[in-house]
């Protein structure tokens, strides 16, 4: 598809290497711009697959498609529920009385230089029937995480939702990432503990791990103070911000 000559500038406030899918967001933005300029429109998930393939070829990392899909499918006030096997998806409304707070640990990661590919290979070995303890733990994490996602979605569809149980599920998810999948870090563990201690309803690491950020659901009225207090209490050089579930890639 021919693309006319262009001069482009990339501007972003999304930190790089913070576990927030910055590479997927960049890939989606560039691909969306190129397909728009060339008048060669792609479907949302077709575009996501193209960007996923490009990232795999560029970095050698066997990345998934969740970051790319979220960067395209997102809608204000909603989470995206995506089945990465079938690519079926739907929007799930987020609670209006809670804010999303992202806390960056300041520990940067680069997936091509991490054990990300190793974890994926270990998981695939387990799914193929390998019985060694490592493979079993990787599979246990994924299967239990799928169940946790289903429970959270069901919970968010009810009003009011059970904040105590939500906190338990997020805590279990983080422990599974720490123990069974082994992608958390001491900094992320510290921030999760601090988040619960400072009044978050739920908190866990986000992204592929080996550094990066946690995400917390915090009562709206508590969120501004929370962002200051967690950074002050953290032993590292962290940053916190209240985030908003927004729309996906579009032409401005």
Foldseek 3Di string as FASTA:
>chain_A
DDADDDDDDDDDPDDAQQQLLPLLLVLLQVLVVRCVRVVNDDDQVVSLVVSQVVVCVVQVQNDARVSNSLQAAFAFQWDWDADSVVRDIDTFGDDPQWFKKKKALPQGDDRSPDCRNVLVVLCVVLVVPDDDQLSVLSVVLVVVVVVLVVVVSVQSVDPPGDLQVQAVSQVVNQVSCCPSSNQADPSQVVLQVVCVVQAFSHKHCHHSHPGHIMMTIHGPVSPVVSQVVSCVPGPGRMGMDTDTRHHHDDDD
